[in-house]
Amino acid sequence: MEPISPGLLVQDNTVVVYLAFTFADASPVFLRSLNADDIVLNCEVVLETAFDDPSATISVGTPAGVESVMSMDSIAPSYAFPYGTDDNYIAPVNETLNLYISPATTTTGSGYVLLMIRRA
């Protein structure tokens, strides 16, 4: 699944990324390529429809650290709710930012990711 928009330049090299997802999307889901020293300023995972298996997990990160931006512990997929963090993540190298979905036996669940990234 590709982002609806590859990014919208807001101002001063700040990019906003939006991606809708469902429980059925193959993980990892590509969100954005990061250059070394890019900063993820904000990350929101908004669950519009709860996942129906409480053992499902969701995180946002990189191949080297699947929870480096937003950990599995900070998102409860069985509750439709907006989850977010404003902990700055600074990319140490060029890497990809992904959404990681482990649906377990989930048969429902959807939402979207919203990111604000400052380009180096």
PDB file of N, CA and C in Angstrom:
ATOM      1  N   MET A   1       0.849  -1.171   0.000  1.00  0.00           N
ATOM      2  CA  MET A   1       0.000   0.000   0.000  1.00  0.00           C
ATOM      3  C   MET A   1       0.895   1.235   0.000  1.00  0.00           C
ATOM      4  N   GLU A   2       0.642   2.156  -0.888  1.00  0.00           N
ATOM      5  CA  GLU A   2       1.410   3.393  -0.978  1.00  0.00           C
ATOM      6  C   GLU A   2       0.686   4.505  -0.212  1.00  0.00           C
ATOM      7  N   PRO A   3       1.449   5.453   0.332  1.00  0.00           N
ATOM      8  CA  PRO A   3       0.795   6.593   0.984  1.00  0.00           C
ATOM      9  C   PRO A   3      -0.144   7.300   0.020  1.00  0.00           C
ATOM     10  N   ILE A   4      -1.234   7.826   0.532  1.00  0.00           N
ATOM     11  CA  ILE A   4      -2.176   8.576  -0.300  1.00  0.00           C
ATOM     12  C   ILE A   4      -1.464   9.762  -0.929  1.00  0.00           C
ATOM     13  N   SER A   5      -0.617  10.392  -0.159  1.00  0.00           N
ATOM     14  CA  SER A   5       0.214  11.470  -0.666  1.00  0.00           C
ATOM     15  C   SER A   5       1.631  11.184  -0.206  1.00  0.00           C
ATOM     16  N   PRO A   6       2.612  11.286  -1.088  1.00  0.00           N
ATOM     17  CA  PRO A   6       3.970  10.982  -0.663  1.00  0.00           C
ATOM     18  C   PRO A   6       4.492  11.974   0.363  1.00  0.00           C
ATOM     19  N   GLY A   7       3.816  13.058   0.548  1.00  0.00           N
ATOM     20  CA  GLY A   7       4.224  14.054   1.529  1.00  0.00           C
ATOM     21  C   GLY A   7       3.826  15.432   1.056  1.00  0.00           C
ATOM     22  N   LEU A   8       3.476  16.260   1.963  1.00  0.00           N
ATOM     23  CA  LEU A   8       3.080  17.616   1.652  1.00  0.00           C
ATOM     24  C   LEU A   8       4.059  18.530   2.370  1.00  0.00           C
ATOM     25  N   LEU A   9       4.793  19.323   1.607  1.00  0.00           N
ATOM     26  CA  LEU A   9       5.741  20.244   2.208  1.00  0.00           C
ATOM     27  C   LEU A   9       4.955  21.358   2.888  1.00  0.00           C
ATOM     28  N   VAL A  10       5.096  21.468   4.187  1.00  0.00           N
ATOM     29  CA  VAL A  10       4.340  22.449   4.944  1.00  0.00           C
ATOM     30  C   VAL A  10       5.095  23.766   4.991  1.00  0.00           C
ATOM     31  N   GLN A  11       6.286  23.747   5.561  1.00  0.00           N
ATOM     32  CA  GLN A  11       7.147  24.924   5.577  1.00  0.00           C
ATOM     33  C   GLN A  11       8.498  24.513   6.123  1.00  0.00           C
ATOM     34  N   ASP A  12       9.519  25.227   5.737  1.00  0.00           N
ATOM     35  CA  ASP A  12      10.861  24.997   6.270  1.00  0.00           C
ATOM     36  C   ASP A  12      11.249  23.528   6.301  1.00  0.00           C
ATOM     37  N   ASN A  13      11.039  22.823   5.204  1.00  0.00           N
ATOM     38  CA  ASN A  13      11.432  21.416   5.086  1.00  0.00           C
ATOM     39  C   ASN A  13      10.666  20.473   5.999  1.00  0.00           C
ATOM     40  N   THR A  14       9.477  20.843   6.415  1.00  0.00           N
ATOM     41  CA  THR A  14       8.647  19.954   7.222  1.00  0.00           C
ATOM     42  C   THR A  14       7.634  19.276   6.306  1.00  0.00           C
ATOM     43  N   VAL A  15       7.543  17.953   6.431  1.00  0.00           N
ATOM     44  CA  VAL A  15       6.680  17.147   5.577  1.00  0.00           C
ATOM     45  C   VAL A  15       5.627  16.466   6.439  1.00  0.00           C
ATOM     46  N   VAL A  16       4.396  16.449   5.966  1.00  0.00           N
ATOM     47  CA  VAL A  16       3.323  15.717   6.633  1.00  0.00           C
ATOM     48  C   VAL A  16       2.997  14.498   5.779  1.00  0.00           C
ATOM     49  N   VAL A  17       2.935  13.332   6.416  1.00  0.00           N
ATOM     50  CA  VAL A  17       2.646  12.083   5.718  1.00  0.00           C
ATOM     51  C   VAL A  17       1.377  11.475   6.318  1.00  0.00           C
ATOM     52  N   TYR A  18       0.475  11.035   5.449  1.00  0.00           N
ATOM     53  CA  TYR A  18      -0.772  10.389   5.871  1.00  0.00           C
ATOM     54  C   TYR A  18      -0.879   9.040   5.175  1.00  0.00           C
ATOM     55  N   LEU A  19      -1.265   8.006   5.916  1.00  0.00           N
ATOM     56  CA  LEU A  19      -1.464   6.688   5.327  1.00  0.00           C
ATOM     57  C   LEU A  19      -2.602   5.981   6.043  1.00  0.00           C
ATOM     58  N   ALA A  20      -3.614   5.572   5.281  1.00  0.00           N
ATOM     59  CA  ALA A  20      -4.705   4.758   5.829  1.00  0.00           C
ATOM     60  C   ALA A  20      -4.267   3.293   5.786  1.00  0.00           C
ATOM     61  N   PHE A  21      -4.724   2.496   6.769  1.00  0.00           N
ATOM     62  CA  PHE A  21      -4.371   1.079   6.805  1.00  0.00           C
ATOM     63  C   PHE A  21      -5.529   0.262   7.357  1.00  0.00           C
ATOM     64  N   THR A  22      -5.467  -1.054   7.105  1.00  0.00           N
ATOM     65  CA  THR A  22      -6.418  -1.998   7.694  1.00  0.00           C
ATOM     66  C   THR A  22      -5.631  -3.174   8.259  1.00  0.00           C
ATOM     67  N   PHE A  23      -6.326  -4.005   9.019  1.00  0.00           N
ATOM     68  CA  PHE A  23      -5.713  -5.190   9.613  1.00  0.00           C
ATOM     69  C   PHE A  23      -5.137  -6.130   8.552  1.00  0.00           C
ATOM     70  N   ALA A  24      -5.654  -6.070   7.329  1.00  0.00           N
ATOM     71  CA  ALA A  24      -5.265  -7.001   6.272  1.00  0.00           C
ATOM     72  C   ALA A  24      -4.024  -6.577   5.491  1.00  0.00           C
ATOM     73  N   ASP A  25      -3.502  -5.380   5.739  1.00  0.00           N
ATOM     74  CA  ASP A  25      -2.324  -4.916   5.007  1.00  0.00           C
ATOM     75  C   ASP A  25      -1.103  -5.752   5.363  1.00  0.00           C
ATOM     76  N   ALA A  26      -0.316  -6.080   4.339  1.00  0.00           N
ATOM     77  CA  ALA A  26       0.914  -6.849   4.561  1.00  0.00           C
ATOM     78  C   ALA A  26       1.925  -5.972   5.297  1.00  0.00           C
ATOM     79  N   SER A  27       2.514  -6.516   6.329  1.00  0.00           N
ATOM     80  CA  SER A  27       3.475  -5.782   7.147  1.00  0.00           C
ATOM     81  C   SER A  27       4.890  -6.186   6.755  1.00  0.00           C
ATOM     82  N   PRO A  28       5.839  -5.246   6.714  1.00  0.00           N
ATOM     83  CA  PRO A  28       5.694  -3.834   7.063  1.00  0.00           C
ATOM     84  C   PRO A  28       5.052  -3.015   5.945  1.00  0.00           C
ATOM     85  N   VAL A  29       4.395  -1.938   6.358  1.00  0.00           N
ATOM     86  CA  VAL A  29       3.772  -1.010   5.415  1.00  0.00           C
ATOM     87  C   VAL A  29       4.685   0.215   5.312  1.00  0.00           C
ATOM     88  N   PHE A  30       5.169   0.492   4.108  1.00  0.00           N
ATOM     89  CA  PHE A  30       6.071   1.622   3.877  1.00  0.00           C
ATOM     90  C   PHE A  30       5.364   2.941   4.168  1.00  0.00           C
ATOM     91  N   LEU A  31       6.014   3.798   4.957  1.00  0.00           N
ATOM     92  CA  LEU A  31       5.477   5.128   5.238  1.00  0.00           C
ATOM     93  C   LEU A  31       6.274   6.223   4.532  1.00  0.00           C
ATOM     94  N   ARG A  32       7.606   6.161   4.652  1.00  0.00           N
ATOM     95  CA  ARG A  32       8.432   7.251   4.118  1.00  0.00           C
ATOM     96  C   ARG A  32       9.901   6.854   4.164  1.00  0.00           C
ATOM     97  N   SER A  33      10.661   7.293   3.183  1.00  0.00           N
ATOM     98  CA  SER A  33      12.116   7.166   3.245  1.00  0.00           C
ATOM     99  C   SER A  33      12.647   8.324   4.076  1.00  0.00           C
ATOM    100  N   LEU A  34      13.578   8.012   4.957  1.00  0.00           N
ATOM    101  CA  LEU A  34      14.210   9.038   5.779  1.00  0.00           C
ATOM    102  C   LEU A  34      15.672   9.166   5.379  1.00  0.00           C
ATOM    103  N   ASN A  35      16.166  10.390   5.363  1.00  0.00           N
ATOM    104  CA  ASN A  35      17.585  10.639   5.178  1.00  0.00           C
ATOM    105  C   ASN A  35      18.221  10.746   6.554  1.00  0.00           C
ATOM    106  N   ALA A  36      19.523  10.506   6.617  1.00  0.00           N
ATOM    107  CA  ALA A  36      20.237  10.684   7.886  1.00  0.00           C
ATOM    108  C   ALA A  36      19.952  12.086   8.416  1.00  0.00           C
ATOM    109  N   ASP A  37      19.656  12.168   9.694  1.00  0.00           N
ATOM    110  CA  ASP A  37      19.375  13.413  10.423  1.00  0.00           C
ATOM    111  C   ASP A  37      17.975  13.974  10.201  1.00  0.00           C
ATOM    112  N   ASP A  38      17.120  13.307   9.410  1.00  0.00           N
ATOM    113  CA  ASP A  38      15.706  13.689   9.386  1.00  0.00           C
ATOM    114  C   ASP A  38      15.140  13.454  10.780  1.00  0.00           C
ATOM    115  N   ILE A  39      14.177  14.262  11.175  1.00  0.00           N
ATOM    116  CA  ILE A  39      13.594  14.145  12.518  1.00  0.00           C
ATOM    117  C   ILE A  39      12.091  13.890  12.399  1.00  0.00           C
ATOM    118  N   VAL A  40      11.637  12.786  12.986  1.00  0.00           N
ATOM    119  CA  VAL A  40      10.201  12.545  13.096  1.00  0.00           C
ATOM    120  C   VAL A  40       9.749  13.335  14.326  1.00  0.00           C
ATOM    121  N   LEU A  41       9.034  14.422  14.083  1.00  0.00           N
ATOM    122  CA  LEU A  41       8.605  15.315  15.163  1.00  0.00           C
ATOM    123  C   LEU A  41       7.374  14.785  15.888  1.00  0.00           C
ATOM    124  N   ASN A  42       6.402  14.306  15.138  1.00  0.00           N
ATOM    125  CA  ASN A  42       5.152  13.790  15.696  1.00  0.00           C
ATOM    126  C   ASN A  42       4.753  12.536  14.943  1.00  0.00           C
ATOM    127  N   CYS A  43       4.131  11.626  15.662  1.00  0.00           N
ATOM    128  CA  CYS A  43       3.584  10.422  15.050  1.00  0.00           C
ATOM    129  C   CYS A  43       2.262  10.112  15.736  1.00  0.00           C
ATOM    130  N   GLU A  44       1.212   9.970  14.942  1.00  0.00           N
ATOM    131  CA  GLU A  44      -0.102   9.575  15.459  1.00  0.00           C
ATOM    132  C   GLU A  44      -0.571   8.338  14.729  1.00  0.00           C
ATOM    133  N   VAL A  45      -1.066   7.375  15.487  1.00  0.00           N
ATOM    134  CA  VAL A  45      -1.747   6.217  14.924  1.00  0.00           C
ATOM    135  C   VAL A  45      -3.178   6.311  15.434  1.00  0.00           C
ATOM    136  N   VAL A  46      -4.100   6.549  14.533  1.00  0.00           N
ATOM    137  CA  VAL A  46      -5.499   6.721  14.908  1.00  0.00           C
ATOM    138  C   VAL A  46      -6.260   5.465  14.488  1.00  0.00           C
ATOM    139  N   LEU A  47      -6.773   4.743  15.459  1.00  0.00           N
ATOM    140  CA  LEU A  47      -7.571   3.553  15.171  1.00  0.00           C
ATOM    141  C   LEU A  47      -9.030   3.960  15.106  1.00  0.00           C
ATOM    142  N   GLU A  48      -9.602   3.883  13.916  1.00  0.00           N
ATOM    143  CA  GLU A  48     -11.009   4.237  13.722  1.00  0.00           C
ATOM    144  C   GLU A  48     -11.923   3.056  14.000  1.00  0.00           C
ATOM    145  N   THR A  49     -11.436   1.849  13.702  1.00  0.00           N
ATOM    146  CA  THR A  49     -12.151   0.610  14.004  1.00  0.00           C
ATOM    147  C   THR A  49     -11.192  -0.283  14.774  1.00  0.00           C
ATOM    148  N   ALA A  50     -11.593  -0.715  15.941  1.00  0.00           N
ATOM    149  CA  ALA A  50     -10.721  -1.534  16.792  1.00  0.00           C
ATOM    150  C   ALA A  50     -10.440  -2.891  16.149  1.00  0.00           C
ATOM    151  N   PHE A  51      -9.272  -3.428  16.439  1.00  0.00           N
ATOM    152  CA  PHE A  51      -8.933  -4.796  16.044  1.00  0.00           C
ATOM    153  C   PHE A  51      -9.645  -5.723  17.021  1.00  0.00           C
ATOM    154  N   ASP A  52     -10.210  -6.819  16.534  1.00  0.00           N
ATOM    155  CA  ASP A  52     -11.022  -7.675  17.399  1.00  0.00           C
ATOM    156  C   ASP A  52     -10.238  -8.805  18.080  1.00  0.00           C
ATOM    157  N   ASP A  53      -8.923  -8.823  17.948  1.00  0.00           N
ATOM    158  CA  ASP A  53      -8.081  -9.774  18.685  1.00  0.00           C
ATOM    159  C   ASP A  53      -7.164  -8.972  19.603  1.00  0.00           C
ATOM    160  N   PRO A  54      -7.310  -9.126  20.930  1.00  0.00           N
ATOM    161  CA  PRO A  54      -6.505  -8.328  21.855  1.00  0.00           C
ATOM    162  C   PRO A  54      -5.006  -8.612  21.792  1.00  0.00           C
ATOM    163  N   SER A  55      -4.599  -9.682  21.120  1.00  0.00           N
ATOM    164  CA  SER A  55      -3.163  -9.961  21.008  1.00  0.00           C
ATOM    165  C   SER A  55      -2.528  -9.300  19.780  1.00  0.00           C
ATOM    166  N   ALA A  56      -3.316  -8.579  18.976  1.00  0.00           N
ATOM    167  CA  ALA A  56      -2.774  -7.853  17.819  1.00  0.00           C
ATOM    168  C   ALA A  56      -1.848  -6.741  18.308  1.00  0.00           C
ATOM    169  N   THR A  57      -0.830  -6.428  17.502  1.00  0.00           N
ATOM    170  CA  THR A  57       0.090  -5.342  17.858  1.00  0.00           C
ATOM    171  C   THR A  57       0.327  -4.445  16.651  1.00  0.00           C
ATOM    172  N   ILE A  58       0.655  -3.188  16.949  1.00  0.00           N
ATOM    173  CA  ILE A  58       0.997  -2.194  15.939  1.00  0.00           C
ATOM    174  C   ILE A  58       2.165  -1.385  16.478  1.00  0.00           C
ATOM    175  N   SER A  59       3.119  -1.074  15.616  1.00  0.00           N
ATOM    176  CA  SER A  59       4.205  -0.180  15.997  1.00  0.00           C
ATOM    177  C   SER A  59       4.661   0.599  14.767  1.00  0.00           C
ATOM    178  N   VAL A  60       5.448   1.641  15.007  1.00  0.00           N
ATOM    179  CA  VAL A  60       6.021   2.445  13.930  1.00  0.00           C
ATOM    180  C   VAL A  60       7.518   2.516  14.176  1.00  0.00           C
ATOM    181  N   GLY A  61       8.278   2.216  13.141  1.00  0.00           N
ATOM    182  CA  GLY A  61       9.726   2.250  13.298  1.00  0.00           C
ATOM    183  C   GLY A  61      10.441   1.958  12.001  1.00  0.00           C
ATOM    184  N   THR A  62      11.652   1.456  12.135  1.00  0.00           N
ATOM    185  CA  THR A  62      12.528   1.173  11.005  1.00  0.00           C
ATOM    186  C   THR A  62      12.890  -0.311  11.017  1.00  0.00           C
ATOM    187  N   PRO A  63      13.452  -0.823   9.934  1.00  0.00           N
ATOM    188  CA  PRO A  63      13.861  -2.228   9.956  1.00  0.00           C
ATOM    189  C   PRO A  63      14.839  -2.548  11.094  1.00  0.00           C
ATOM    190  N   ALA A  64      15.670  -1.587  11.466  1.00  0.00           N
ATOM    191  CA  ALA A  64      16.628  -1.807  12.552  1.00  0.00           C
ATOM    192  C   ALA A  64      15.986  -1.697  13.934  1.00  0.00           C
ATOM    193  N   GLY A  65      14.845  -1.044  14.019  1.00  0.00           N
ATOM    194  CA  GLY A  65      14.144  -0.858  15.292  1.00  0.00           C
ATOM    195  C   GLY A  65      12.667  -0.669  15.050  1.00  0.00           C
ATOM    196  N   VAL A  66      11.920  -1.766  15.035  1.00  0.00           N
ATOM    197  CA  VAL A  66      10.502  -1.698  14.641  1.00  0.00           C
ATOM    198  C   VAL A  66       9.646  -0.884  15.610  1.00  0.00           C
ATOM    199  N   GLU A  67      10.175  -0.561  16.772  1.00  0.00           N
ATOM    200  CA  GLU A  67       9.448   0.272  17.735  1.00  0.00           C
ATOM    201  C   GLU A  67      10.175   1.589  18.005  1.00  0.00           C
ATOM    202  N   SER A  68      11.064   1.984  17.116  1.00  0.00           N
ATOM    203  CA  SER A  68      11.909   3.151  17.379  1.00  0.00           C
ATOM    204  C   SER A  68      11.154   4.477  17.407  1.00  0.00           C
ATOM    205  N   VAL A  69      10.014   4.560  16.736  1.00  0.00           N
ATOM    206  CA  VAL A  69       9.228   5.801  16.748  1.00  0.00           C
ATOM    207  C   VAL A  69       8.035   5.669  17.696  1.00  0.00           C
ATOM    208  N   MET A  70       7.336   4.559  17.622  1.00  0.00           N
ATOM    209  CA  MET A  70       6.169   4.325  18.477  1.00  0.00           C
ATOM    210  C   MET A  70       6.106   2.839  18.815  1.00  0.00           C
ATOM    211  N   SER A  71       6.148   2.531  20.106  1.00  0.00           N
ATOM    212  CA  SER A  71       6.233   1.135  20.541  1.00  0.00           C
ATOM    213  C   SER A  71       4.878   0.439  20.551  1.00  0.00           C
ATOM    214  N   MET A  72       4.934  -0.888  20.528  1.00  0.00           N
ATOM    215  CA  MET A  72       3.721  -1.708  20.617  1.00  0.00           C
ATOM    216  C   MET A  72       2.984  -1.441  21.926  1.00  0.00           C
ATOM    217  N   ASP A  73       3.737  -1.165  22.986  1.00  0.00           N
ATOM    218  CA  ASP A  73       3.123  -0.914  24.293  1.00  0.00           C
ATOM    219  C   ASP A  73       2.330   0.387  24.332  1.00  0.00           C
ATOM    220  N   SER A  74       2.597   1.304  23.401  1.00  0.00           N
ATOM    221  CA  SER A  74       1.904   2.599  23.423  1.00  0.00           C
ATOM    222  C   SER A  74       0.629   2.602  22.581  1.00  0.00           C
ATOM    223  N   ILE A  75       0.322   1.466  21.924  1.00  0.00           N
ATOM    224  CA  ILE A  75      -0.871   1.360  21.084  1.00  0.00           C
ATOM    225  C   ILE A  75      -1.646   0.117  21.498  1.00  0.00           C
ATOM    226  N   ALA A  76      -2.929   0.291  21.800  1.00  0.00           N
ATOM    227  CA  ALA A  76      -3.805  -0.835  22.152  1.00  0.00           C
ATOM    228  C   ALA A  76      -4.788  -1.032  21.001  1.00  0.00           C
ATOM    229  N   PRO A  77      -4.449  -1.895  20.031  1.00  0.00           N
ATOM    230  CA  PRO A  77      -5.294  -2.034  18.837  1.00  0.00           C
ATOM    231  C   PRO A  77      -6.729  -2.466  19.112  1.00  0.00           C
ATOM    232  N   SER A  78      -6.991  -3.051  20.260  1.00  0.00           N
ATOM    233  CA  SER A  78      -8.368  -3.483  20.539  1.00  0.00           C
ATOM    234  C   SER A  78      -9.261  -2.334  21.013  1.00  0.00           C
ATOM    235  N   TYR A  79      -8.726  -1.108  21.022  1.00  0.00           N
ATOM    236  CA  TYR A  79      -9.504   0.079  21.374  1.00  0.00           C
ATOM    237  C   TYR A  79      -9.368   1.121  20.269  1.00  0.00           C
ATOM    238  N   ALA A  80     -10.489   1.547  19.700  1.00  0.00           N
ATOM    239  CA  ALA A  80     -10.474   2.620  18.705  1.00  0.00           C
ATOM    240  C   ALA A  80     -10.184   3.924  19.437  1.00  0.00           C
ATOM    241  N   PHE A  81      -9.031   4.518  19.132  1.00  0.00           N
ATOM    242  CA  PHE A  81      -8.559   5.668  19.893  1.00  0.00           C
ATOM    243  C   PHE A  81      -7.397   6.294  19.126  1.00  0.00           C
ATOM    244  N   PRO A  82      -7.141   7.595  19.288  1.00  0.00           N
ATOM    245  CA  PRO A  82      -5.934   8.190  18.699  1.00  0.00           C
ATOM    246  C   PRO A  82      -4.743   8.026  19.656  1.00  0.00           C
ATOM    247  N   TYR A  83      -3.691   7.417  19.173  1.00  0.00           N
ATOM    248  CA  TYR A  83      -2.468   7.230  19.955  1.00  0.00           C
ATOM    249  C   TYR A  83      -1.389   8.095  19.333  1.00  0.00           C
ATOM    250  N   GLY A  84      -0.576   8.734  20.148  1.00  0.00           N
ATOM    251  CA  GLY A  84       0.437   9.612  19.576  1.00  0.00           C
ATOM    252  C   GLY A  84       1.658   9.792  20.441  1.00  0.00           C
ATOM    253  N   THR A  85       2.698  10.282  19.804  1.00  0.00           N
ATOM    254  CA  THR A  85       3.920  10.632  20.510  1.00  0.00           C
ATOM    255  C   THR A  85       4.547  11.836  19.835  1.00  0.00           C
ATOM    256  N   ASP A  86       5.170  12.660  20.645  1.00  0.00           N
ATOM    257  CA  ASP A  86       5.942  13.773  20.096  1.00  0.00           C
ATOM    258  C   ASP A  86       7.405  13.642  20.512  1.00  0.00           C
ATOM    259  N   ASP A  87       7.815  12.411  20.882  1.00  0.00           N
ATOM    260  CA  ASP A  87       9.225  12.139  21.145  1.00  0.00           C
ATOM    261  C   ASP A  87       9.954  12.205  19.811  1.00  0.00           C
ATOM    262  N   ASN A  88      10.921  13.072  19.700  1.00  0.00           N
ATOM    263  CA  ASN A  88      11.632  13.219  18.435  1.00  0.00           C
ATOM    264  C   ASN A  88      12.482  11.990  18.152  1.00  0.00           C
ATOM    265  N   TYR A  89      12.339  11.442  16.953  1.00  0.00           N
ATOM    266  CA  TYR A  89      13.203  10.360  16.494  1.00  0.00           C
ATOM    267  C   TYR A  89      14.093  10.939  15.411  1.00  0.00           C
ATOM    268  N   ILE A  90      15.413  10.867  15.593  1.00  0.00           N
ATOM    269  CA  ILE A  90      16.373  11.370  14.611  1.00  0.00           C
ATOM    270  C   ILE A  90      16.972  10.177  13.885  1.00  0.00           C
ATOM    271  N   ALA A  91      16.800  10.144  12.575  1.00  0.00           N
ATOM    272  CA  ALA A  91      17.316   9.028  11.776  1.00  0.00           C
ATOM    273  C   ALA A  91      18.846   9.052  11.799  1.00  0.00           C
ATOM    274  N   PRO A  92      19.475   7.979  12.273  1.00  0.00           N
ATOM    275  CA  PRO A  92      20.943   7.958  12.328  1.00  0.00           C
ATOM    276  C   PRO A  92      21.585   7.739  10.952  1.00  0.00           C
ATOM    277  N   VAL A  93      20.847   7.112  10.044  1.00  0.00           N
ATOM    278  CA  VAL A  93      21.321   6.807   8.687  1.00  0.00           C
ATOM    279  C   VAL A  93      20.129   6.910   7.739  1.00  0.00           C
ATOM    280  N   ASN A  94      20.371   6.816   6.448  1.00  0.00           N
ATOM    281  CA  ASN A  94      19.265   6.730   5.493  1.00  0.00           C
ATOM    282  C   ASN A  94      18.531   5.421   5.755  1.00  0.00           C
ATOM    283  N   GLU A  95      17.225   5.484   5.929  1.00  0.00           N
ATOM    284  CA  GLU A  95      16.447   4.292   6.268  1.00  0.00           C
ATOM    285  C   GLU A  95      14.989   4.500   5.890  1.00  0.00           C
ATOM    286  N   THR A  96      14.201   3.443   6.003  1.00  0.00           N
ATOM    287  CA  THR A  96      12.775   3.559   5.721  1.00  0.00           C
ATOM    288  C   THR A  96      11.990   3.546   7.026  1.00  0.00           C
ATOM    289  N   LEU A  97      10.915   4.288   7.019  1.00  0.00           N
ATOM    290  CA  LEU A  97      10.006   4.331   8.155  1.00  0.00           C
ATOM    291  C   LEU A  97       8.791   3.501   7.784  1.00  0.00           C
ATOM    292  N   ASN A  98       8.419   2.573   8.662  1.00  0.00           N
ATOM    293  CA  ASN A  98       7.357   1.619   8.366  1.00  0.00           C
ATOM    294  C   ASN A  98       6.338   1.531   9.484  1.00  0.00           C
ATOM    295  N   LEU A  99       5.158   1.079   9.110  1.00  0.00           N
ATOM    296  CA  LEU A  99       4.123   0.692  10.057  1.00  0.00           C
ATOM    297  C   LEU A  99       4.181  -0.828  10.142  1.00  0.00           C
ATOM    298  N   TYR A 100       4.267  -1.364  11.358  1.00  0.00           N
ATOM    299  CA  TYR A 100       4.323  -2.804  11.565  1.00  0.00           C
ATOM    300  C   TYR A 100       3.018  -3.264  12.192  1.00  0.00           C
ATOM    301  N   ILE A 101       2.316  -4.147  11.495  1.00  0.00           N
ATOM    302  CA  ILE A 101       1.023  -4.659  11.950  1.00  0.00           C
ATOM    303  C   ILE A 101       1.148  -6.161  12.139  1.00  0.00           C
ATOM    304  N   SER A 102       0.867  -6.608  13.349  1.00  0.00           N
ATOM    305  CA  SER A 102       0.786  -8.043  13.620  1.00  0.00           C
ATOM    306  C   SER A 102      -0.651  -8.310  14.048  1.00  0.00           C
ATOM    307  N   PRO A 103      -1.520  -8.722  13.112  1.00  0.00           N
ATOM    308  CA  PRO A 103      -2.953  -8.787  13.386  1.00  0.00           C
ATOM    309  C   PRO A 103      -3.416  -9.991  14.203  1.00  0.00           C
ATOM    310  N   ALA A 104      -2.543 -10.985  14.398  1.00  0.00           N
ATOM    311  CA  ALA A 104      -2.955 -12.235  15.053  1.00  0.00           C
ATOM    312  C   ALA A 104      -4.146 -12.803  14.293  1.00  0.00           C
ATOM    313  N   THR A 105      -5.280 -13.028  14.961  1.00  0.00           N
ATOM    314  CA  THR A 105      -6.460 -13.582  14.274  1.00  0.00           C
ATOM    315  C   THR A 105      -7.536 -12.522  14.026  1.00  0.00           C
ATOM    316  N   THR A 106      -7.136 -11.268  14.012  1.00  0.00           N
ATOM    317  CA  THR A 106      -8.061 -10.158  13.805  1.00  0.00           C
ATOM    318  C   THR A 106      -8.818 -10.291  12.485  1.00  0.00           C
ATOM    319  N   THR A 107     -10.096  -9.937  12.525  1.00  0.00           N
ATOM    320  CA  THR A 107     -10.915  -9.924  11.307  1.00  0.00           C
ATOM    321  C   THR A 107     -11.466  -8.534  10.998  1.00  0.00           C
ATOM    322  N   THR A 108     -11.213  -7.576  11.868  1.00  0.00           N
ATOM    323  CA  THR A 108     -11.598  -6.187  11.632  1.00  0.00           C
ATOM    324  C   THR A 108     -10.509  -5.287  12.195  1.00  0.00           C
ATOM    325  N   GLY A 109     -10.530  -4.045  11.769  1.00  0.00           N
ATOM    326  CA  GLY A 109      -9.591  -3.059  12.302  1.00  0.00           C
ATOM    327  C   GLY A 109      -9.063  -2.175  11.200  1.00  0.00           C
ATOM    328  N   SER A 110      -9.096  -0.865  11.436  1.00  0.00           N
ATOM    329  CA  SER A 110      -8.583   0.084  10.455  1.00  0.00           C
ATOM    330  C   SER A 110      -8.261   1.402  11.137  1.00  0.00           C
ATOM    331  N   GLY A 111      -7.466   2.187  10.437  1.00  0.00           N
ATOM    332  CA  GLY A 111      -7.102   3.494  10.961  1.00  0.00           C
ATOM    333  C   GLY A 111      -6.184   4.206  10.001  1.00  0.00           C
ATOM    334  N   TYR A 112      -5.427   5.160  10.544  1.00  0.00           N
ATOM    335  CA  TYR A 112      -4.466   5.869   9.718  1.00  0.00           C
ATOM    336  C   TYR A 112      -3.298   6.328  10.565  1.00  0.00           C
ATOM    337  N   VAL A 113      -2.196   6.601   9.873  1.00  0.00           N
ATOM    338  CA  VAL A 113      -0.980   7.136  10.490  1.00  0.00           C
ATOM    339  C   VAL A 113      -0.785   8.541   9.963  1.00  0.00           C
ATOM    340  N   LEU A 114      -0.416   9.436  10.859  1.00  0.00           N
ATOM    341  CA  LEU A 114      -0.121  10.814  10.499  1.00  0.00           C
ATOM    342  C   LEU A 114       1.234  11.158  11.101  1.00  0.00           C
ATOM    343  N   LEU A 115       2.156  11.583  10.233  1.00  0.00           N
ATOM    344  CA  LEU A 115       3.525  11.899  10.656  1.00  0.00           C
ATOM    345  C   LEU A 115       3.889  13.326  10.277  1.00  0.00           C
ATOM    346  N   MET A 116       4.707  13.949  11.107  1.00  0.00           N
ATOM    347  CA  MET A 116       5.303  15.219  10.769  1.00  0.00           C
ATOM    348  C   MET A 116       6.808  15.021  10.846  1.00  0.00           C
ATOM    349  N   ILE A 117       7.479  15.256   9.714  1.00  0.00           N
ATOM    350  CA  ILE A 117       8.913  14.980   9.600  1.00  0.00           C
ATOM    351  C   ILE A 117       9.649  16.242   9.171  1.00  0.00           C
ATOM    352  N   ARG A 118      10.699  16.558   9.884  1.00  0.00           N
ATOM    353  CA  ARG A 118      11.573  17.683   9.499  1.00  0.00           C
ATOM    354  C   ARG A 118      12.719  17.089   8.686  1.00  0.00           C
ATOM    355  N   ARG A 119      12.819  17.502   7.416  1.00  0.00           N
ATOM    356  CA  ARG A 119      13.867  16.997   6.545  1.00  0.00           C
ATOM    357  C   ARG A 119      15.206  17.652   6.874  1.00  0.00           C
ATOM    358  N   ALA A 120      16.269  16.863   6.851  1.00  0.00           N
ATOM    359  CA  ALA A 120      17.608  17.375   7.167  1.00  0.00           C
ATOM    360  C   ALA A 120      18.119  18.268   6.051  1.00  0.00           C
TER     361      ALA A 120
END
